[in-house]
């Protein structure tokens, strides 16, 4: 197979444990976009809320349910759903797991 700046072999990008509840496999392109596979476990009852994120994302949910809190509203998404969140402070958001199961999803991160 020929080399391509558009192809990322998953085996070349191991699944890293970021926190006790988040694992990430990331492939960063030279185009200002990162492609990530993430596994996010449900928060513990006494877990502090995460920080606001202002990075843009396009997200495809593979399994489980995820919740994104924005300043003006909250949205939940499940397997087969897609979301697009533009970059910038006016679109800031906080993700969390909605339900008892690990949520698995693929996202692009742009506005890096």
PDB file of N, CA and C in Angstrom:
ATOM      1  N   UNK A   1       0.847  -1.180   0.000  1.00  0.00           N
ATOM      2  CA  UNK A   1       0.000   0.000   0.000  1.00  0.00           C
ATOM      3  C   UNK A   1       0.890   1.240   0.000  1.00  0.00           C
ATOM      4  N   UNK A   2       0.527   2.223  -0.765  1.00  0.00           N
ATOM      5  CA  UNK A   2       1.329   3.439  -0.836  1.00  0.00           C
ATOM      6  C   UNK A   2       1.046   4.351   0.357  1.00  0.00           C
ATOM      7  N   UNK A   3       1.998   5.205   0.636  1.00  0.00           N
ATOM      8  CA  UNK A   3       1.850   6.177   1.712  1.00  0.00           C
ATOM      9  C   UNK A   3       0.888   7.280   1.265  1.00  0.00           C
ATOM     10  N   UNK A   4       0.108   7.780   2.206  1.00  0.00           N
ATOM     11  CA  UNK A   4      -0.806   8.866   1.895  1.00  0.00           C
ATOM     12  C   UNK A   4      -1.001   9.724   3.141  1.00  0.00           C
ATOM     13  N   UNK A   5      -1.024  11.047   2.989  1.00  0.00           N
ATOM     14  CA  UNK A   5      -1.277  11.911   4.142  1.00  0.00           C
ATOM     15  C   UNK A   5      -2.735  11.841   4.607  1.00  0.00           C
ATOM     16  N   UNK A   6      -3.568  11.103   3.866  1.00  0.00           N
ATOM     17  CA  UNK A   6      -4.988  11.010   4.181  1.00  0.00           C
ATOM     18  C   UNK A   6      -5.363   9.715   4.889  1.00  0.00           C
ATOM     19  N   UNK A   7      -4.406   8.815   5.060  1.00  0.00           N
ATOM     20  CA  UNK A   7      -4.684   7.488   5.610  1.00  0.00           C
ATOM     21  C   UNK A   7      -4.003   7.343   6.964  1.00  0.00           C
ATOM     22  N   UNK A   8      -4.755   6.842   7.951  1.00  0.00           N
ATOM     23  CA  UNK A   8      -4.228   6.632   9.297  1.00  0.00           C
ATOM     24  C   UNK A   8      -4.581   5.216   9.735  1.00  0.00           C
ATOM     25  N   UNK A   9      -3.595   4.365   9.857  1.00  0.00           N
ATOM     26  CA  UNK A   9      -3.804   2.993  10.303  1.00  0.00           C
ATOM     27  C   UNK A   9      -4.009   3.006  11.823  1.00  0.00           C
ATOM     28  N   UNK A  10      -5.137   2.514  12.297  1.00  0.00           N
ATOM     29  CA  UNK A  10      -5.459   2.554  13.726  1.00  0.00           C
ATOM     30  C   UNK A  10      -4.376   1.891  14.568  1.00  0.00           C
ATOM     31  N   UNK A  11      -3.803   0.790  14.085  1.00  0.00           N
ATOM     32  CA  UNK A  11      -2.781   0.066  14.858  1.00  0.00           C
ATOM     33  C   UNK A  11      -1.538   0.918  15.109  1.00  0.00           C
ATOM     34  N   UNK A  12      -1.324   1.940  14.286  1.00  0.00           N
ATOM     35  CA  UNK A  12      -0.177   2.828  14.472  1.00  0.00           C
ATOM     36  C   UNK A  12      -0.430   3.897  15.534  1.00  0.00           C
ATOM     37  N   UNK A  13      -1.644   3.951  16.035  1.00  0.00           N
ATOM     38  CA  UNK A  13      -2.048   4.970  17.009  1.00  0.00           C
ATOM     39  C   UNK A  13      -2.711   4.268  18.195  1.00  0.00           C
ATOM     40  N   UNK A  14      -1.937   3.887  19.204  1.00  0.00           N
ATOM     41  CA  UNK A  14      -2.484   3.100  20.310  1.00  0.00           C
ATOM     42  C   UNK A  14      -3.519   3.864  21.123  1.00  0.00           C
ATOM     43  N   UNK A  15      -4.352   3.099  21.803  1.00  0.00           N
ATOM     44  CA  UNK A  15      -5.369   3.652  22.689  1.00  0.00           C
ATOM     45  C   UNK A  15      -4.695   4.037  24.002  1.00  0.00           C
ATOM     46  N   UNK A  16      -4.662   5.331  24.302  1.00  0.00           N
ATOM     47  CA  UNK A  16      -3.999   5.844  25.500  1.00  0.00           C
ATOM     48  C   UNK A  16      -5.027   6.147  26.582  1.00  0.00           C
ATOM     49  N   UNK A  17      -4.678   5.849  27.812  1.00  0.00           N
ATOM     50  CA  UNK A  17      -5.512   6.215  28.949  1.00  0.00           C
ATOM     51  C   UNK A  17      -5.173   7.648  29.324  1.00  0.00           C
ATOM     52  N   UNK A  18      -6.144   8.548  29.181  1.00  0.00           N
ATOM     53  CA  UNK A  18      -5.954   9.958  29.499  1.00  0.00           C
ATOM     54  C   UNK A  18      -6.300  10.205  30.966  1.00  0.00           C
ATOM     55  N   UNK A  19      -7.431   9.654  31.396  1.00  0.00           N
ATOM     56  CA  UNK A  19      -7.851   9.696  32.794  1.00  0.00           C
ATOM     57  C   UNK A  19      -8.423   8.319  33.123  1.00  0.00           C
ATOM     58  N   UNK A  20      -8.866   8.148  34.352  1.00  0.00           N
ATOM     59  CA  UNK A  20      -9.454   6.865  34.731  1.00  0.00           C
ATOM     60  C   UNK A  20     -10.767   6.589  34.003  1.00  0.00           C
ATOM     61  N   UNK A  21     -11.328   7.613  33.337  1.00  0.00           N
ATOM     62  CA  UNK A  21     -12.592   7.432  32.626  1.00  0.00           C
ATOM     63  C   UNK A  21     -12.535   7.815  31.151  1.00  0.00           C
ATOM     64  N   UNK A  22     -11.336   8.116  30.623  1.00  0.00           N
ATOM     65  CA  UNK A  22     -11.224   8.512  29.218  1.00  0.00           C
ATOM     66  C   UNK A  22     -10.012   7.853  28.572  1.00  0.00           C
ATOM     67  N   UNK A  23     -10.285   7.171  27.436  1.00  0.00           N
ATOM     68  CA  UNK A  23      -9.227   6.584  26.608  1.00  0.00           C
ATOM     69  C   UNK A  23      -9.345   7.193  25.210  1.00  0.00           C
ATOM     70  N   UNK A  24      -8.185   7.478  24.595  1.00  0.00           N
ATOM     71  CA  UNK A  24      -8.172   8.172  23.305  1.00  0.00           C
ATOM     72  C   UNK A  24      -7.156   7.530  22.366  1.00  0.00           C
ATOM     73  N   UNK A  25      -7.563   7.362  21.119  1.00  0.00           N
ATOM     74  CA  UNK A  25      -6.673   6.983  20.014  1.00  0.00           C
ATOM     75  C   UNK A  25      -6.729   8.175  19.066  1.00  0.00           C
ATOM     76  N   UNK A  26      -5.574   8.805  18.794  1.00  0.00           N
ATOM     77  CA  UNK A  26      -5.582  10.033  18.004  1.00  0.00           C
ATOM     78  C   UNK A  26      -4.614   9.959  16.841  1.00  0.00           C
ATOM     79  N   UNK A  27      -5.066  10.472  15.714  1.00  0.00           N
ATOM     80  CA  UNK A  27      -4.222  10.640  14.540  1.00  0.00           C
ATOM     81  C   UNK A  27      -4.326  12.111  14.143  1.00  0.00           C
ATOM     82  N   UNK A  28      -3.240  12.848  14.291  1.00  0.00           N
ATOM     83  CA  UNK A  28      -3.228  14.265  13.929  1.00  0.00           C
ATOM     84  C   UNK A  28      -2.747  14.419  12.498  1.00  0.00           C
ATOM     85  N   UNK A  29      -3.474  15.189  11.720  1.00  0.00           N
ATOM     86  CA  UNK A  29      -3.088  15.420  10.328  1.00  0.00           C
ATOM     87  C   UNK A  29      -2.207  16.659  10.243  1.00  0.00           C
ATOM     88  N   UNK A  30      -1.669  16.877   9.104  1.00  0.00           N
ATOM     89  CA  UNK A  30      -0.913  18.103   8.860  1.00  0.00           C
ATOM     90  C   UNK A  30      -1.810  19.228   8.378  1.00  0.00           C
ATOM     91  N   UNK A  31      -3.114  19.044   8.493  1.00  0.00           N
ATOM     92  CA  UNK A  31      -4.080  20.002   7.959  1.00  0.00           C
ATOM     93  C   UNK A  31      -4.819  20.763   9.051  1.00  0.00           C
ATOM     94  N   UNK A  32      -4.326  20.699  10.305  1.00  0.00           N
ATOM     95  CA  UNK A  32      -4.981  21.401  11.406  1.00  0.00           C
ATOM     96  C   UNK A  32      -6.186  20.663  11.957  1.00  0.00           C
ATOM     97  N   UNK A  33      -6.275  19.349  11.694  1.00  0.00           N
ATOM     98  CA  UNK A  33      -7.400  18.535  12.162  1.00  0.00           C
ATOM     99  C   UNK A  33      -6.841  17.274  12.803  1.00  0.00           C
ATOM    100  N   UNK A  34      -7.443  16.879  13.912  1.00  0.00           N
ATOM    101  CA  UNK A  34      -7.107  15.605  14.544  1.00  0.00           C
ATOM    102  C   UNK A  34      -8.318  14.692  14.440  1.00  0.00           C
ATOM    103  N   UNK A  35      -8.074  13.425  14.180  1.00  0.00           N
ATOM    104  CA  UNK A  35      -9.119  12.407  14.152  1.00  0.00           C
ATOM    105  C   UNK A  35      -8.937  11.562  15.398  1.00  0.00           C
ATOM    106  N   UNK A  36     -10.010  11.400  16.182  1.00  0.00           N
ATOM    107  CA  UNK A  36      -9.915  10.670  17.442  1.00  0.00           C
ATOM    108  C   UNK A  36     -11.014   9.631  17.580  1.00  0.00           C
ATOM    109  N   UNK A  37     -10.630   8.495  18.167  1.00  0.00           N
ATOM    110  CA  UNK A  37     -11.580   7.510  18.668  1.00  0.00           C
ATOM    111  C   UNK A  37     -11.502   7.650  20.180  1.00  0.00           C
ATOM    112  N   UNK A  38     -12.645   7.780  20.850  1.00  0.00           N
ATOM    113  CA  UNK A  38     -12.643   7.966  22.297  1.00  0.00           C
ATOM    114  C   UNK A  38     -13.603   6.989  22.958  1.00  0.00           C
ATOM    115  N   UNK A  39     -13.220   6.561  24.153  1.00  0.00           N
ATOM    116  CA  UNK A  39     -14.074   5.769  25.041  1.00  0.00           C
ATOM    117  C   UNK A  39     -14.170   6.542  26.342  1.00  0.00           C
ATOM    118  N   UNK A  40     -15.382   6.950  26.686  1.00  0.00           N
ATOM    119  CA  UNK A  40     -15.603   7.754  27.893  1.00  0.00           C
ATOM    120  C   UNK A  40     -16.535   6.981  28.821  1.00  0.00           C
ATOM    121  N   UNK A  41     -16.057   6.699  30.030  1.00  0.00           N
ATOM    122  CA  UNK A  41     -16.847   5.984  31.032  1.00  0.00           C
ATOM    123  C   UNK A  41     -17.716   6.984  31.793  1.00  0.00           C
ATOM    124  N   UNK A  42     -18.819   6.506  32.357  1.00  0.00           N
ATOM    125  CA  UNK A  42     -19.689   7.397  33.137  1.00  0.00           C
ATOM    126  C   UNK A  42     -18.923   8.042  34.289  1.00  0.00           C
ATOM    127  N   UNK A  43     -19.297   9.281  34.595  1.00  0.00           N
ATOM    128  CA  UNK A  43     -18.709   9.975  35.732  1.00  0.00           C
ATOM    129  C   UNK A  43     -19.164   9.320  37.026  1.00  0.00           C
ATOM    130  N   UNK A  44     -18.313   9.383  38.016  1.00  0.00           N
ATOM    131  CA  UNK A  44     -18.686   8.921  39.349  1.00  0.00           C
ATOM    132  C   UNK A  44     -19.575   9.984  39.985  1.00  0.00           C
ATOM    133  N   UNK A  45     -20.435   9.593  40.928  1.00  0.00           N
ATOM    134  CA  UNK A  45     -21.369  10.562  41.526  1.00  0.00           C
ATOM    135  C   UNK A  45     -20.696  11.806  42.112  1.00  0.00           C
ATOM    136  N   UNK A  46     -19.502  11.676  42.645  1.00  0.00           N
ATOM    137  CA  UNK A  46     -18.827  12.824  43.259  1.00  0.00           C
ATOM    138  C   UNK A  46     -17.773  13.454  42.346  1.00  0.00           C
ATOM    139  N   UNK A  47     -17.794  13.125  41.053  1.00  0.00           N
ATOM    140  CA  UNK A  47     -16.803  13.670  40.108  1.00  0.00           C
ATOM    141  C   UNK A  47     -17.047  15.160  39.892  1.00  0.00           C
ATOM    142  N   UNK A  48     -15.967  15.956  39.872  1.00  0.00           N
ATOM    143  CA  UNK A  48     -16.149  17.371  39.540  1.00  0.00           C
ATOM    144  C   UNK A  48     -16.468  17.510  38.057  1.00  0.00           C
ATOM    145  N   UNK A  49     -17.202  18.547  37.718  1.00  0.00           N
ATOM    146  CA  UNK A  49     -17.534  18.789  36.320  1.00  0.00           C
ATOM    147  C   UNK A  49     -16.276  19.188  35.553  1.00  0.00           C
ATOM    148  N   UNK A  50     -16.162  18.746  34.312  1.00  0.00           N
ATOM    149  CA  UNK A  50     -14.993  19.056  33.493  1.00  0.00           C
ATOM    150  C   UNK A  50     -14.938  20.507  33.068  1.00  0.00           C
ATOM    151  N   UNK A  51     -13.857  20.872  32.412  1.00  0.00           N
ATOM    152  CA  UNK A  51     -13.668  22.231  31.911  1.00  0.00           C
ATOM    153  C   UNK A  51     -14.468  22.463  30.636  1.00  0.00           C
ATOM    154  N   UNK A  52     -14.730  23.722  30.335  1.00  0.00           N
ATOM    155  CA  UNK A  52     -15.364  24.081  29.075  1.00  0.00           C
ATOM    156  C   UNK A  52     -14.392  23.835  27.935  1.00  0.00           C
ATOM    157  N   UNK A  53     -14.886  23.359  26.816  1.00  0.00           N
ATOM    158  CA  UNK A  53     -14.090  23.151  25.608  1.00  0.00           C
ATOM    159  C   UNK A  53     -14.591  24.129  24.546  1.00  0.00           C
ATOM    160  N   UNK A  54     -13.666  24.808  23.868  1.00  0.00           N
ATOM    161  CA  UNK A  54     -14.033  25.752  22.810  1.00  0.00           C
ATOM    162  C   UNK A  54     -13.551  25.290  21.439  1.00  0.00           C
ATOM    163  N   UNK A  55     -13.008  24.071  21.381  1.00  0.00           N
ATOM    164  CA  UNK A  55     -12.528  23.508  20.121  1.00  0.00           C
ATOM    165  C   UNK A  55     -13.707  22.997  19.310  1.00  0.00           C
ATOM    166  N   UNK A  56     -13.637  23.095  17.999  1.00  0.00           N
ATOM    167  CA  UNK A  56     -14.692  22.585  17.136  1.00  0.00           C
ATOM    168  C   UNK A  56     -14.575  21.085  16.935  1.00  0.00           C
ATOM    169  N   UNK A  57     -15.727  20.420  16.794  1.00  0.00           N
ATOM    170  CA  UNK A  57     -15.760  18.969  16.611  1.00  0.00           C
ATOM    171  C   UNK A  57     -16.883  18.581  15.659  1.00  0.00           C
ATOM    172  N   UNK A  58     -16.665  17.503  14.937  1.00  0.00           N
ATOM    173  CA  UNK A  58     -17.739  16.739  14.299  1.00  0.00           C
ATOM    174  C   UNK A  58     -17.644  15.358  14.918  1.00  0.00           C
ATOM    175  N   UNK A  59     -18.780  14.813  15.365  1.00  0.00           N
ATOM    176  CA  UNK A  59     -18.785  13.617  16.206  1.00  0.00           C
ATOM    177  C   UNK A  59     -19.763  12.590  15.649  1.00  0.00           C
ATOM    178  N   UNK A  60     -19.352  11.321  15.664  1.00  0.00           N
ATOM    179  CA  UNK A  60     -20.226  10.203  15.298  1.00  0.00           C
ATOM    180  C   UNK A  60     -20.210   9.225  16.460  1.00  0.00           C
ATOM    181  N   UNK A  61     -21.383   8.968  17.036  1.00  0.00           N
ATOM    182  CA  UNK A  61     -21.502   8.092  18.201  1.00  0.00           C
ATOM    183  C   UNK A  61     -21.622   6.648  17.731  1.00  0.00           C
ATOM    184  N   UNK A  62     -20.727   5.783  18.221  1.00  0.00           N
ATOM    185  CA  UNK A  62     -20.739   4.366  17.873  1.00  0.00           C
ATOM    186  C   UNK A  62     -21.611   3.557  18.834  1.00  0.00           C
ATOM    187  N   UNK A  63     -21.487   3.825  20.146  1.00  0.00           N
ATOM    188  CA  UNK A  63     -22.301   3.122  21.143  1.00  0.00           C
ATOM    189  C   UNK A  63     -22.372   3.959  22.404  1.00  0.00           C
ATOM    190  N   UNK A  64     -23.383   3.699  23.218  1.00  0.00           N
ATOM    191  CA  UNK A  64     -23.600   4.465  24.435  1.00  0.00           C
ATOM    192  C   UNK A  64     -24.298   5.776  24.137  1.00  0.00           C
ATOM    193  N   UNK A  65     -24.381   6.615  25.167  1.00  0.00           N
ATOM    194  CA  UNK A  65     -25.018   7.928  25.026  1.00  0.00           C
ATOM    195  C   UNK A  65     -24.107   8.992  25.612  1.00  0.00           C
ATOM    196  N   UNK A  66     -24.034  10.134  24.928  1.00  0.00           N
ATOM    197  CA  UNK A  66     -23.216  11.256  25.399  1.00  0.00           C
ATOM    198  C   UNK A  66     -24.080  12.506  25.506  1.00  0.00           C
ATOM    199  N   UNK A  67     -23.725  13.343  26.445  1.00  0.00           N
ATOM    200  CA  UNK A  67     -24.443  14.606  26.672  1.00  0.00           C
ATOM    201  C   UNK A  67     -23.441  15.748  26.502  1.00  0.00           C
ATOM    202  N   UNK A  68     -23.857  16.779  25.784  1.00  0.00           N
ATOM    203  CA  UNK A  68     -23.057  17.993  25.655  1.00  0.00           C
ATOM    204  C   UNK A  68     -23.852  19.145  26.252  1.00  0.00           C
ATOM    205  N   UNK A  69     -23.247  19.812  27.236  1.00  0.00           N
ATOM    206  CA  UNK A  69     -23.880  20.983  27.846  1.00  0.00           C
ATOM    207  C   UNK A  69     -23.269  22.227  27.218  1.00  0.00           C
ATOM    208  N   UNK A  70     -24.131  23.118  26.747  1.00  0.00           N
ATOM    209  CA  UNK A  70     -23.762  24.407  26.193  1.00  0.00           C
ATOM    210  C   UNK A  70     -24.279  25.491  27.137  1.00  0.00           C
ATOM    211  N   UNK A  71     -23.912  26.731  26.918  1.00  0.00           N
ATOM    212  CA  UNK A  71     -24.427  27.816  27.756  1.00  0.00           C
ATOM    213  C   UNK A  71     -25.950  27.900  27.707  1.00  0.00           C
ATOM    214  N   UNK A  72     -26.525  27.663  26.526  1.00  0.00           N
ATOM    215  CA  UNK A  72     -27.960  27.878  26.340  1.00  0.00           C
ATOM    216  C   UNK A  72     -28.816  26.617  26.355  1.00  0.00           C
ATOM    217  N   UNK A  73     -28.195  25.438  26.275  1.00  0.00           N
ATOM    218  CA  UNK A  73     -28.992  24.212  26.223  1.00  0.00           C
ATOM    219  C   UNK A  73     -28.099  22.984  26.412  1.00  0.00           C
ATOM    220  N   UNK A  74     -28.733  21.827  26.498  1.00  0.00           N
ATOM    221  CA  UNK A  74     -28.043  20.546  26.600  1.00  0.00           C
ATOM    222  C   UNK A  74     -28.596  19.634  25.520  1.00  0.00           C
ATOM    223  N   UNK A  75     -27.723  18.800  24.939  1.00  0.00           N
ATOM    224  CA  UNK A  75     -28.163  17.843  23.924  1.00  0.00           C
ATOM    225  C   UNK A  75     -27.598  16.468  24.267  1.00  0.00           C
ATOM    226  N   UNK A  76     -28.394  15.421  24.039  1.00  0.00           N
ATOM    227  CA  UNK A  76     -27.942  14.040  24.211  1.00  0.00           C
ATOM    228  C   UNK A  76     -27.961  13.347  22.861  1.00  0.00           C
ATOM    229  N   UNK A  77     -26.970  12.472  22.649  1.00  0.00           N
ATOM    230  CA  UNK A  77     -26.871  11.742  21.388  1.00  0.00           C
ATOM    231  C   UNK A  77     -26.511  10.296  21.690  1.00  0.00           C
ATOM    232  N   UNK A  78     -26.983   9.379  20.834  1.00  0.00           N
ATOM    233  CA  UNK A  78     -26.710   7.963  20.999  1.00  0.00           C
ATOM    234  C   UNK A  78     -26.177   7.348  19.724  1.00  0.00           C
ATOM    235  N   UNK A  79     -26.025   6.039  19.750  1.00  0.00           N
ATOM    236  CA  UNK A  79     -25.446   5.286  18.635  1.00  0.00           C
ATOM    237  C   UNK A  79     -26.091   5.669  17.307  1.00  0.00           C
ATOM    238  N   UNK A  80     -25.254   6.018  16.337  1.00  0.00           N
ATOM    239  CA  UNK A  80     -25.719   6.398  15.011  1.00  0.00           C
ATOM    240  C   UNK A  80     -25.984   7.884  14.858  1.00  0.00           C
ATOM    241  N   UNK A  81     -25.981   8.637  15.964  1.00  0.00           N
ATOM    242  CA  UNK A  81     -26.203  10.081  15.891  1.00  0.00           C
ATOM    243  C   UNK A  81     -24.901  10.798  15.546  1.00  0.00           C
ATOM    244  N   UNK A  82     -25.050  11.972  14.956  1.00  0.00           N
ATOM    245  CA  UNK A  82     -23.909  12.822  14.622  1.00  0.00           C
ATOM    246  C   UNK A  82     -24.145  14.213  15.177  1.00  0.00           C
ATOM    247  N   UNK A  83     -23.068  14.868  15.561  1.00  0.00           N
ATOM    248  CA  UNK A  83     -23.130  16.245  16.033  1.00  0.00           C
ATOM    249  C   UNK A  83     -22.044  17.046  15.332  1.00  0.00           C
ATOM    250  N   UNK A  84     -22.277  18.320  15.171  1.00  0.00           N
ATOM    251  CA  UNK A  84     -21.242  19.233  14.697  1.00  0.00           C
ATOM    252  C   UNK A  84     -21.257  20.433  15.617  1.00  0.00           C
ATOM    253  N   UNK A  85     -20.111  20.718  16.239  1.00  0.00           N
ATOM    254  CA  UNK A  85     -19.981  21.841  17.162  1.00  0.00           C
ATOM    255  C   UNK A  85     -18.907  22.760  16.593  1.00  0.00           C
ATOM    256  N   UNK A  86     -19.267  23.978  16.199  1.00  0.00           N
ATOM    257  CA  UNK A  86     -18.256  24.904  15.688  1.00  0.00           C
ATOM    258  C   UNK A  86     -17.266  25.309  16.784  1.00  0.00           C
ATOM    259  N   UNK A  87     -16.094  25.761  16.372  1.00  0.00           N
ATOM    260  CA  UNK A  87     -15.093  26.254  17.315  1.00  0.00           C
ATOM    261  C   UNK A  87     -15.469  27.650  17.796  1.00  0.00           C
ATOM    262  N   UNK A  88     -15.018  27.985  18.999  1.00  0.00           N
ATOM    263  CA  UNK A  88     -15.182  29.343  19.512  1.00  0.00           C
ATOM    264  C   UNK A  88     -15.910  29.405  20.836  1.00  0.00           C
ATOM    265  N   UNK A  89     -15.703  30.493  21.564  1.00  0.00           N
ATOM    266  CA  UNK A  89     -16.306  30.626  22.896  1.00  0.00           C
ATOM    267  C   UNK A  89     -17.831  30.639  22.876  1.00  0.00           C
ATOM    268  N   UNK A  90     -18.432  31.089  21.780  1.00  0.00           N
ATOM    269  CA  UNK A  90     -19.897  31.108  21.702  1.00  0.00           C
ATOM    270  C   UNK A  90     -20.494  29.709  21.555  1.00  0.00           C
ATOM    271  N   UNK A  91     -19.629  28.708  21.299  1.00  0.00           N
ATOM    272  CA  UNK A  91     -20.080  27.318  21.155  1.00  0.00           C
ATOM    273  C   UNK A  91     -19.454  26.421  22.226  1.00  0.00           C
ATOM    274  N   UNK A  92     -18.962  27.023  23.304  1.00  0.00           N
ATOM    275  CA  UNK A  92     -18.279  26.236  24.332  1.00  0.00           C
ATOM    276  C   UNK A  92     -19.206  25.157  24.877  1.00  0.00           C
ATOM    277  N   UNK A  93     -18.594  24.039  25.281  1.00  0.00           N
ATOM    278  CA  UNK A  93     -19.389  22.876  25.662  1.00  0.00           C
ATOM    279  C   UNK A  93     -18.634  22.018  26.670  1.00  0.00           C
ATOM    280  N   UNK A  94     -19.392  21.178  27.379  1.00  0.00           N
ATOM    281  CA  UNK A  94     -18.833  20.216  28.327  1.00  0.00           C
ATOM    282  C   UNK A  94     -19.475  18.863  28.035  1.00  0.00           C
ATOM    283  N   UNK A  95     -18.659  17.849  27.692  1.00  0.00           N
ATOM    284  CA  UNK A  95     -19.225  16.517  27.450  1.00  0.00           C
ATOM    285  C   UNK A  95     -19.326  15.721  28.742  1.00  0.00           C
ATOM    286  N   UNK A  96     -20.311  14.819  28.782  1.00  0.00           N
ATOM    287  CA  UNK A  96     -20.427  13.853  29.873  1.00  0.00           C
ATOM    288  C   UNK A  96     -21.184  12.645  29.338  1.00  0.00           C
ATOM    289  N   UNK A  97     -21.073  11.534  30.041  1.00  0.00           N
ATOM    290  CA  UNK A  97     -21.768  10.313  29.641  1.00  0.00           C
ATOM    291  C   UNK A  97     -23.203  10.375  30.160  1.00  0.00           C
ATOM    292  N   UNK A  98     -24.138  10.064  29.285  1.00  0.00           N
ATOM    293  CA  UNK A  98     -25.555  10.039  29.661  1.00  0.00           C
ATOM    294  C   UNK A  98     -25.969   8.579  29.779  1.00  0.00           C
ATOM    295  N   UNK A  99     -25.999   8.066  30.982  1.00  0.00           N
ATOM    296  CA  UNK A  99     -26.370   6.676  31.183  1.00  0.00           C
ATOM    297  C   UNK A  99     -25.251   5.883  31.831  1.00  0.00           C
ATOM    298  N   UNK A 100     -25.493   4.584  32.037  1.00  0.00           N
ATOM    299  CA  UNK A 100     -24.543   3.755  32.778  1.00  0.00           C
ATOM    300  C   UNK A 100     -23.426   3.125  31.936  1.00  0.00           C
ATOM    301  N   UNK A 101     -23.514   3.237  30.614  1.00  0.00           N
ATOM    302  CA  UNK A 101     -22.559   2.540  29.738  1.00  0.00           C
ATOM    303  C   UNK A 101     -21.463   3.465  29.224  1.00  0.00           C
ATOM    304  N   UNK A 102     -20.313   2.878  28.920  1.00  0.00           N
ATOM    305  CA  UNK A 102     -19.223   3.601  28.261  1.00  0.00           C
ATOM    306  C   UNK A 102     -19.739   4.081  26.909  1.00  0.00           C
ATOM    307  N   UNK A 103     -19.427   5.317  26.555  1.00  0.00           N
ATOM    308  CA  UNK A 103     -19.785   5.824  25.230  1.00  0.00           C
ATOM    309  C   UNK A 103     -18.532   5.756  24.362  1.00  0.00           C
ATOM    310  N   UNK A 104     -18.700   5.234  23.145  1.00  0.00           N
ATOM    311  CA  UNK A 104     -17.610   5.113  22.181  1.00  0.00           C
ATOM    312  C   UNK A 104     -17.979   5.958  20.968  1.00  0.00           C
ATOM    313  N   UNK A 105     -17.038   6.805  20.557  1.00  0.00           N
ATOM    314  CA  UNK A 105     -17.341   7.724  19.466  1.00  0.00           C
ATOM    315  C   UNK A 105     -16.084   8.125  18.722  1.00  0.00           C
ATOM    316  N   UNK A 106     -16.290   8.602  17.509  1.00  0.00           N
ATOM    317  CA  UNK A 106     -15.218   9.112  16.665  1.00  0.00           C
ATOM    318  C   UNK A 106     -15.488  10.594  16.466  1.00  0.00           C
ATOM    319  N   UNK A 107     -14.428  11.393  16.591  1.00  0.00           N
ATOM    320  CA  UNK A 107     -14.613  12.826  16.369  1.00  0.00           C
ATOM    321  C   UNK A 107     -13.432  13.408  15.632  1.00  0.00           C
ATOM    322  N   UNK A 108     -13.706  14.468  14.923  1.00  0.00           N
ATOM    323  CA  UNK A 108     -12.644  15.290  14.370  1.00  0.00           C
ATOM    324  C   UNK A 108     -12.534  16.487  15.287  1.00  0.00           C
ATOM    325  N   UNK A 109     -11.324  16.958  15.458  1.00  0.00           N
ATOM    326  CA  UNK A 109     -11.090  18.163  16.253  1.00  0.00           C
ATOM    327  C   UNK A 109     -10.420  19.149  15.345  1.00  0.00           C
ATOM    328  N   UNK A 110     -11.036  20.327  15.206  1.00  0.00           N
ATOM    329  CA  UNK A 110     -10.479  21.341  14.326  1.00  0.00           C
ATOM    330  C   UNK A 110     -10.459  22.680  15.051  1.00  0.00           C
ATOM    331  N   UNK A 111      -9.850  23.641  14.446  1.00  0.00           N
ATOM    332  CA  UNK A 111      -9.661  24.923  15.110  1.00  0.00           C
ATOM    333  C   UNK A 111      -8.471  24.844  16.035  1.00  0.00           C
ATOM    334  N   UNK A 112      -7.522  23.940  15.702  1.00  0.00           N
ATOM    335  CA  UNK A 112      -6.344  23.741  16.538  1.00  0.00           C
ATOM    336  C   UNK A 112      -5.370  24.897  16.410  1.00  0.00           C
TER     337      UNK A 112
END
